[in-house]
């Protein structure tokens, strides 16, 4: 009984202690809020000359400071940027390395963030309710495209050395080619294409996926679906989009690179045929890029038909019906 009385007293004191702490906390918080509010009002009402003693965070620029400061919206929107993309293992990394060898162009490793950002924009603009709500808030498409241009250009400018012509390579980037072209009407797009069976088999090996008829067909279906979306946009953009087959690049590199450089209105240089000699100097390679080990070699043709020996055979009729992009791109189903 006595223990019960002591316990009751202890609980009463505990509750009182918690209440006192709570009151003090609220009082202290109110003081902090009042002080911050007052400080902010003082700041915005002050004359700039009186703010000498306020420590503002310094923004530091690197060697390309002047380039970063020259953000003029109209000129950014008119930049002749280059975007390289296509299904994984279709030669996108090799193409960007070849472009990086050119003194006027800088692509650099995959940004990873640009496909996610452009994908978000595309989904955002396809939602009528959101577009309507933004318009009501006086935020129209052009305003959002201006903001997107600043973001994309800043990412491209900041992840490597500055160059006359900036380029971005991410396999999924061309899924939103149409919107990118609206933002940058002078941009050029290089659409890398490879036999879906070779690309799928290579991607499965790199991803350590067990190659079965079912899994191989699933990857091949993804290859088809992605290429349908990109190819349709490439048709719409016409002269702004160039299809380049990986097989052509590997078998006839000089002719193919000449074609790419004419498309970009840039001169061909012989060093582009020996990209491996410039890795570590002109060309920066990220170890996170899946093809980083292969681009250390000269252009080779070993992998073109590797899938024929080891990949499961798929019925021709089924491929023709379910994977129509193989024939669309001129690949033999036999």
Protein backbone atom coordinates (compact mmCIF):
# COMPACT_ATOMS: atom_id res chain seq x y z
CA UNK A 1 0.00 0.00 0.00
CA UNK A 2 2.83 2.32 0.96
CA UNK A 3 4.63 1.49 -2.28
CA UNK A 4 1.47 2.41 -4.19
CA UNK A 5 1.39 5.90 -2.53
CA UNK A 6 5.04 6.52 -3.41
CA UNK A 7 4.39 5.40 -6.96
CA UNK A 8 1.43 7.81 -7.28
CA UNK A 9 3.56 10.70 -6.02
CA UNK A 10 6.32 9.78 -8.48
CA UNK A 11 3.86 9.75 -11.39
CA UNK A 12 2.46 13.18 -10.36
CA UNK A 13 5.95 14.68 -10.25
CA UNK A 14 6.80 13.08 -13.59
CA UNK A 15 3.72 14.57 -15.27
CA UNK A 16 4.48 18.02 -13.78
CA UNK A 17 8.09 17.78 -14.98
CA UNK A 18 6.97 16.90 -18.53
CA UNK A 19 4.49 19.81 -18.55
CA UNK A 20 7.15 22.27 -17.40
CA UNK A 21 9.54 21.03 -20.09
CA UNK A 22 6.85 21.34 -22.74
CA UNK A 23 5.96 24.90 -21.68
CA UNK A 24 9.64 25.88 -21.73
CA UNK A 25 10.12 24.33 -25.15
CA UNK A 26 7.13 26.19 -26.60
CA UNK A 27 8.31 29.46 -25.03
CA UNK A 28 11.83 28.96 -26.36
CA UNK A 29 10.54 28.12 -29.84
CA UNK A 30 8.38 31.25 -29.83
CA UNK A 31 11.41 33.36 -28.98
CA UNK A 32 13.44 31.77 -31.81
CA UNK A 33 10.63 32.29 -34.33
CA UNK A 34 10.13 35.90 -33.22
CA UNK A 35 13.86 36.55 -33.44
CA UNK A 36 14.21 34.99 -36.89
CA UNK A 37 11.14 36.83 -38.13
CA UNK A 38 12.46 40.10 -36.80
CA UNK A 39 15.90 39.47 -38.30
CA UNK A 40 14.36 38.71 -41.70
CA UNK A 41 12.19 41.85 -41.63
CA UNK A 42 15.25 43.89 -40.67
CA UNK A 43 17.18 42.33 -43.55
CA UNK A 44 14.61 42.99 -46.27
CA UNK A 45 14.00 46.55 -45.04
CA UNK A 46 17.69 47.38 -44.83
CA UNK A 47 19.68 49.42 -47.27
CA UNK A 48 22.19 47.19 -49.14
CA UNK A 49 25.00 49.44 -47.87
CA UNK A 50 24.12 48.47 -44.30
CA UNK A 51 24.54 44.75 -44.95
CA UNK A 52 28.33 44.73 -45.07
CA UNK A 53 28.66 42.69 -41.90
CA UNK A 54 26.17 40.00 -42.86
CA UNK A 55 27.89 36.74 -43.81
CA UNK A 56 26.38 35.58 -47.06
CA UNK A 57 27.37 32.18 -48.45
CA UNK A 58 29.98 32.59 -51.16
CA UNK A 59 29.25 31.02 -54.54
CA UNK A 60 32.48 29.67 -55.96
CA UNK A 61 33.05 29.03 -59.65
CA UNK A 62 35.69 26.77 -61.18
CA UNK A 63 37.88 27.42 -64.23
CA UNK A 64 34.81 27.80 -66.43
CA UNK A 65 33.44 30.68 -64.34
CA UNK A 66 32.83 33.00 -67.25
CA UNK A 67 31.02 30.32 -69.24
CA UNK A 68 28.77 29.58 -66.28
CA UNK A 69 27.99 33.25 -65.78
CA UNK A 70 26.96 33.73 -69.41
CA UNK A 71 23.52 32.26 -68.85
CA UNK A 72 21.45 34.12 -71.39
CA UNK A 73 18.18 32.32 -71.77
CA UNK A 74 17.58 33.03 -75.45
CA UNK A 75 21.07 31.96 -76.45
CA UNK A 76 20.79 28.79 -74.35
CA UNK A 77 17.53 27.82 -76.03
CA UNK A 78 19.24 28.25 -79.42
CA UNK A 79 22.29 26.12 -78.60
CA UNK A 80 23.11 23.40 -81.13
CA UNK A 81 23.44 20.69 -78.49
CA UNK A 82 23.91 17.01 -79.32
CA UNK A 83 21.98 14.17 -77.66
CA UNK A 84 22.97 10.51 -78.08
CA UNK A 85 20.70 7.63 -77.06
CA UNK A 86 19.18 4.28 -77.88
CA UNK A 87 18.60 0.91 -76.25
CA UNK A 88 21.38 -0.24 -73.90
CA UNK A 89 24.33 -2.04 -75.49
CA UNK A 90 23.62 -0.46 -78.88
CA UNK A 91 26.85 1.51 -79.19
CA UNK A 92 25.81 4.72 -77.40
CA UNK A 93 29.02 4.78 -75.32
CA UNK A 94 31.24 4.12 -78.34
CA UNK A 95 29.53 6.93 -80.25
CA UNK A 96 29.96 9.44 -77.44
CA UNK A 97 33.65 8.47 -77.06
CA UNK A 98 34.20 9.07 -80.79
CA UNK A 99 32.50 12.46 -80.48
CA UNK A 100 34.57 13.29 -77.39
CA UNK A 101 37.76 12.87 -79.42
CA UNK A 102 36.70 15.84 -81.56
CA UNK A 103 38.12 19.13 -80.16
CA UNK A 104 34.83 21.02 -80.64
CA UNK A 105 32.57 18.51 -78.87
CA UNK A 106 32.32 17.31 -75.29
CA UNK A 107 29.83 14.63 -74.21
CA UNK A 108 31.32 13.09 -71.08
CA UNK A 109 29.97 10.09 -69.16
CA UNK A 110 26.27 9.41 -68.64
CA UNK A 111 24.58 12.00 -66.43
CA UNK A 112 21.87 9.55 -65.23
CA UNK A 113 19.75 12.51 -64.10
CA UNK A 114 18.80 13.90 -67.52
CA UNK A 115 16.62 10.94 -68.63
CA UNK A 116 14.84 11.01 -65.25
CA UNK A 117 14.29 14.77 -65.51
CA UNK A 118 13.04 14.75 -69.12
CA UNK A 119 10.84 11.73 -68.33
CA UNK A 120 9.30 13.65 -65.43
CA UNK A 121 8.67 16.66 -67.70
CA UNK A 122 7.04 14.49 -70.33
CA UNK A 123 4.68 12.88 -67.81
CA UNK A 124 3.99 16.26 -66.24
CA UNK A 125 2.97 17.92 -69.52
CA UNK A 126 0.76 14.99 -70.44
CA UNK A 127 -1.50 15.55 -67.44
CA UNK A 128 -4.17 17.99 -68.56
CA UNK A 129 -5.27 18.89 -65.04
CA UNK A 130 -1.74 19.85 -63.99
CA UNK A 131 -1.20 21.89 -67.17
CA UNK A 132 -4.50 23.69 -66.52
CA UNK A 133 -3.59 24.41 -62.88
CA UNK A 134 -0.20 25.79 -63.92
CA UNK A 135 -1.78 28.00 -66.58
CA UNK A 136 -4.13 29.39 -63.92
CA UNK A 137 -1.01 30.25 -61.90
CA UNK A 138 0.43 32.05 -64.98
CA UNK A 139 2.99 29.26 -65.47
CA UNK A 140 2.67 28.42 -69.13
CA UNK A 141 4.58 25.87 -71.22
CA UNK A 142 7.13 28.40 -72.38
CA UNK A 143 7.95 29.39 -68.80
CA UNK A 144 8.48 25.76 -67.82
CA UNK A 145 10.53 25.07 -70.95
CA UNK A 146 12.75 28.05 -70.13
CA UNK A 147 13.31 26.68 -66.64
CA UNK A 148 13.98 23.19 -68.03
CA UNK A 149 16.48 24.61 -70.54
CA UNK A 150 18.47 26.26 -67.74
CA UNK A 151 18.53 23.05 -65.72
CA UNK A 152 19.52 20.76 -68.61
CA UNK A 153 22.16 23.17 -69.94
CA UNK A 154 23.67 23.67 -66.49
CA UNK A 155 23.97 19.90 -65.99
CA UNK A 156 25.59 19.47 -69.41
CA UNK A 157 27.96 22.39 -68.84
CA UNK A 158 28.96 21.41 -65.32
CA UNK A 159 29.85 17.75 -65.65
CA UNK A 160 33.01 18.24 -67.71
CA UNK A 161 35.27 20.68 -69.50
CA UNK A 162 33.58 23.42 -71.46
CA UNK A 163 33.54 23.05 -75.26
CA UNK A 164 32.21 24.81 -78.34
CA UNK A 165 29.48 22.20 -78.54
CA UNK A 166 28.02 20.30 -75.60
CA UNK A 167 26.65 16.80 -75.88
CA UNK A 168 24.81 14.42 -73.55
CA UNK A 169 24.69 10.64 -73.85
CA UNK A 170 22.20 8.58 -71.89
CA UNK A 171 20.52 5.53 -73.46
CA UNK A 172 16.98 6.52 -72.37
CA UNK A 173 17.38 10.21 -73.21
CA UNK A 174 15.83 9.97 -76.68
CA UNK A 175 12.56 8.62 -75.27
CA UNK A 176 11.72 12.30 -74.74
CA UNK A 177 13.33 13.57 -77.95
CA UNK A 178 10.25 15.50 -79.02
CA UNK A 179 10.16 17.56 -75.84
CA UNK A 180 13.92 18.11 -75.90
CA UNK A 181 13.53 19.47 -79.43
CA UNK A 182 10.86 21.90 -78.23
CA UNK A 183 13.25 23.15 -75.56
CA UNK A 184 16.31 23.22 -77.87
CA UNK A 185 15.05 23.61 -81.47
CA UNK A 186 18.60 23.58 -82.91
CA UNK A 187 19.65 20.39 -81.13
CA UNK A 188 20.71 17.28 -83.05
CA UNK A 189 19.85 13.71 -82.01
CA UNK A 190 21.88 10.57 -82.76
CA UNK A 191 19.76 7.44 -82.48
CA UNK A 192 21.96 4.35 -82.03
CA UNK A 193 20.45 1.10 -83.31
CA UNK A 194 21.66 -2.47 -82.97
CA UNK A 195 20.15 -5.84 -83.84
CA UNK A 196 17.73 -6.42 -80.95
CA UNK A 197 18.92 -10.00 -80.48
CA UNK A 198 22.55 -8.91 -80.11
CA UNK A 199 21.68 -5.94 -77.84
CA UNK A 200 19.36 -8.04 -75.65
CA UNK A 201 21.82 -10.91 -75.31
CA UNK A 202 24.67 -8.53 -74.44
CA UNK A 203 22.51 -6.68 -71.89
CA UNK A 204 21.45 -9.94 -70.25
CA UNK A 205 25.07 -11.08 -69.88
CA UNK A 206 26.07 -7.71 -68.42
CA UNK A 207 23.07 -7.77 -66.04
CA UNK A 208 23.85 -11.38 -65.08
CA UNK A 209 20.40 -12.54 -66.09
CA UNK A 210 20.05 -16.24 -66.85
CA UNK A 211 19.49 -16.54 -70.59
CA UNK A 212 16.41 -18.65 -71.30
CA UNK A 213 13.96 -18.50 -74.17
CA UNK A 214 11.45 -16.68 -71.92
CA UNK A 215 13.91 -14.11 -70.51
CA UNK A 216 15.50 -13.53 -73.93
CA UNK A 217 12.09 -12.86 -75.46
CA UNK A 218 11.22 -10.46 -72.58
CA UNK A 219 14.38 -8.40 -73.20
CA UNK A 220 13.76 -8.44 -76.94
CA UNK A 221 10.22 -7.16 -76.37
CA UNK A 222 11.62 -4.29 -74.28
CA UNK A 223 14.07 -3.53 -77.08
CA UNK A 224 11.19 -3.42 -79.58
CA UNK A 225 8.96 -1.21 -77.38
CA UNK A 226 11.71 1.31 -76.69
CA UNK A 227 12.75 1.54 -80.32
CA UNK A 228 9.14 2.01 -81.46
CA UNK A 229 8.88 5.11 -79.25
CA UNK A 230 12.21 6.58 -80.32
CA UNK A 231 11.83 5.74 -84.01
CA UNK A 232 8.43 7.45 -84.19
CA UNK A 233 9.90 10.64 -82.73
CA UNK A 234 12.93 10.41 -85.01
CA UNK A 235 10.57 10.34 -88.02
CA UNK A 236 8.78 13.44 -86.73
CA UNK A 237 12.00 15.40 -86.19
CA UNK A 238 13.27 14.38 -89.63
CA UNK A 239 16.50 16.30 -90.35
CA UNK A 240 17.25 16.78 -86.63
CA UNK A 241 17.56 13.04 -85.99
CA UNK A 242 20.09 10.59 -87.44
CA UNK A 243 19.80 6.80 -87.17
CA UNK A 244 23.17 5.09 -86.84
CA UNK A 245 23.53 1.30 -86.81
CA UNK A 246 26.13 -0.13 -84.47
CA UNK A 247 26.99 -2.74 -87.11
CA UNK A 248 27.79 -0.02 -89.65
CA UNK A 249 29.97 1.80 -87.12
CA UNK A 250 31.90 -1.39 -86.35
CA UNK A 251 32.30 -2.65 -89.94
CA UNK A 252 32.67 0.67 -91.79
CA UNK A 253 33.86 3.14 -89.13
CA UNK A 254 35.36 5.78 -91.42
CA UNK A 255 32.29 6.00 -93.64
CA UNK A 256 29.89 6.01 -90.67
CA UNK A 257 31.80 8.62 -88.65
CA UNK A 258 32.03 10.82 -91.76
CA UNK A 259 28.23 10.57 -92.05
CA UNK A 260 27.74 11.50 -88.40
CA UNK A 261 30.05 14.50 -88.61
CA UNK A 262 28.32 15.78 -91.77
CA UNK A 263 25.02 15.52 -89.91
CA UNK A 264 26.49 17.62 -87.08
CA UNK A 265 28.10 20.08 -89.54
CA UNK A 266 31.49 19.35 -88.02
CA UNK A 267 34.72 18.28 -89.67
CA UNK A 268 35.90 14.67 -89.54
CA UNK A 269 39.32 14.16 -87.93
CA UNK A 270 41.38 10.97 -88.31
CA UNK A 271 41.88 10.69 -84.53
CA UNK A 272 38.23 9.65 -84.26
CA UNK A 273 39.20 6.30 -85.80
CA UNK A 274 41.59 5.70 -82.88
CA UNK A 275 39.46 6.71 -79.91
CA UNK A 276 41.26 4.29 -77.55
CA UNK A 277 44.46 6.36 -77.78
CA UNK A 278 42.71 9.42 -76.32
CA UNK A 279 41.09 7.83 -73.27
CA UNK A 280 42.38 9.55 -70.15
CA UNK A 281 43.36 12.71 -72.04
CA UNK A 282 40.59 14.11 -74.25
CA UNK A 283 38.14 11.39 -73.25
CA UNK A 284 36.89 10.93 -69.68
CA UNK A 285 35.53 7.48 -68.84
CA UNK A 286 33.36 6.59 -65.86
CA UNK A 287 33.76 3.14 -64.34
CA UNK A 288 29.99 3.10 -63.81
CA UNK A 289 29.36 2.97 -67.55
CA UNK A 290 28.84 -0.66 -68.53
CA UNK A 291 30.87 -0.39 -71.73
CA UNK A 292 33.86 1.31 -70.09
CA UNK A 293 36.02 -1.83 -70.37
CA UNK A 294 35.22 -2.40 -74.05
CA UNK A 295 35.96 1.11 -75.28
CA UNK A 296 39.57 0.69 -74.18
CA UNK A 297 39.94 -1.46 -77.30
CA UNK A 298 39.96 -0.27 -80.92
CA UNK A 299 36.64 -0.59 -82.78
CA UNK A 300 36.03 -4.32 -83.27
CA UNK A 301 33.44 -6.60 -84.87
CA UNK A 302 33.68 -9.67 -82.58
CA UNK A 303 30.41 -9.04 -80.76
CA UNK A 304 28.17 -8.49 -83.81
CA UNK A 305 27.21 -12.15 -84.28
CA UNK A 306 28.04 -13.52 -80.83
CA UNK A 307 24.37 -13.94 -80.01
CA UNK A 308 23.86 -16.35 -82.94
CA UNK A 309 26.00 -19.03 -81.29
CA UNK A 310 24.57 -18.84 -77.76
CA UNK A 311 21.17 -17.09 -77.66
CA UNK A 312 17.98 -19.18 -77.84
CA UNK A 313 16.38 -19.49 -81.26
CA UNK A 314 13.00 -17.75 -81.59
CA UNK A 315 10.29 -18.65 -84.13
CA UNK A 316 10.46 -16.34 -87.16
CA UNK A 317 6.69 -15.88 -87.33
CA UNK A 318 6.56 -14.85 -83.70
CA UNK A 319 9.41 -12.36 -84.17
CA UNK A 320 7.75 -10.91 -87.25
CA UNK A 321 4.48 -10.44 -85.33
CA UNK A 322 5.77 -9.43 -81.89
CA UNK A 323 9.17 -7.85 -82.67
CA UNK A 324 8.44 -5.92 -85.90
CA UNK A 325 11.28 -3.43 -85.38
CA UNK A 326 13.83 -6.07 -86.38
CA UNK A 327 12.53 -6.04 -89.95
CA UNK A 328 11.80 -2.32 -89.79
CA UNK A 329 15.51 -1.72 -89.20
CA UNK A 330 16.47 -4.21 -91.92
CA UNK A 331 17.69 -7.12 -89.80
CA UNK A 332 17.36 -10.65 -91.20
CA UNK A 333 15.06 -12.86 -89.12
CA UNK A 334 16.72 -16.10 -90.30
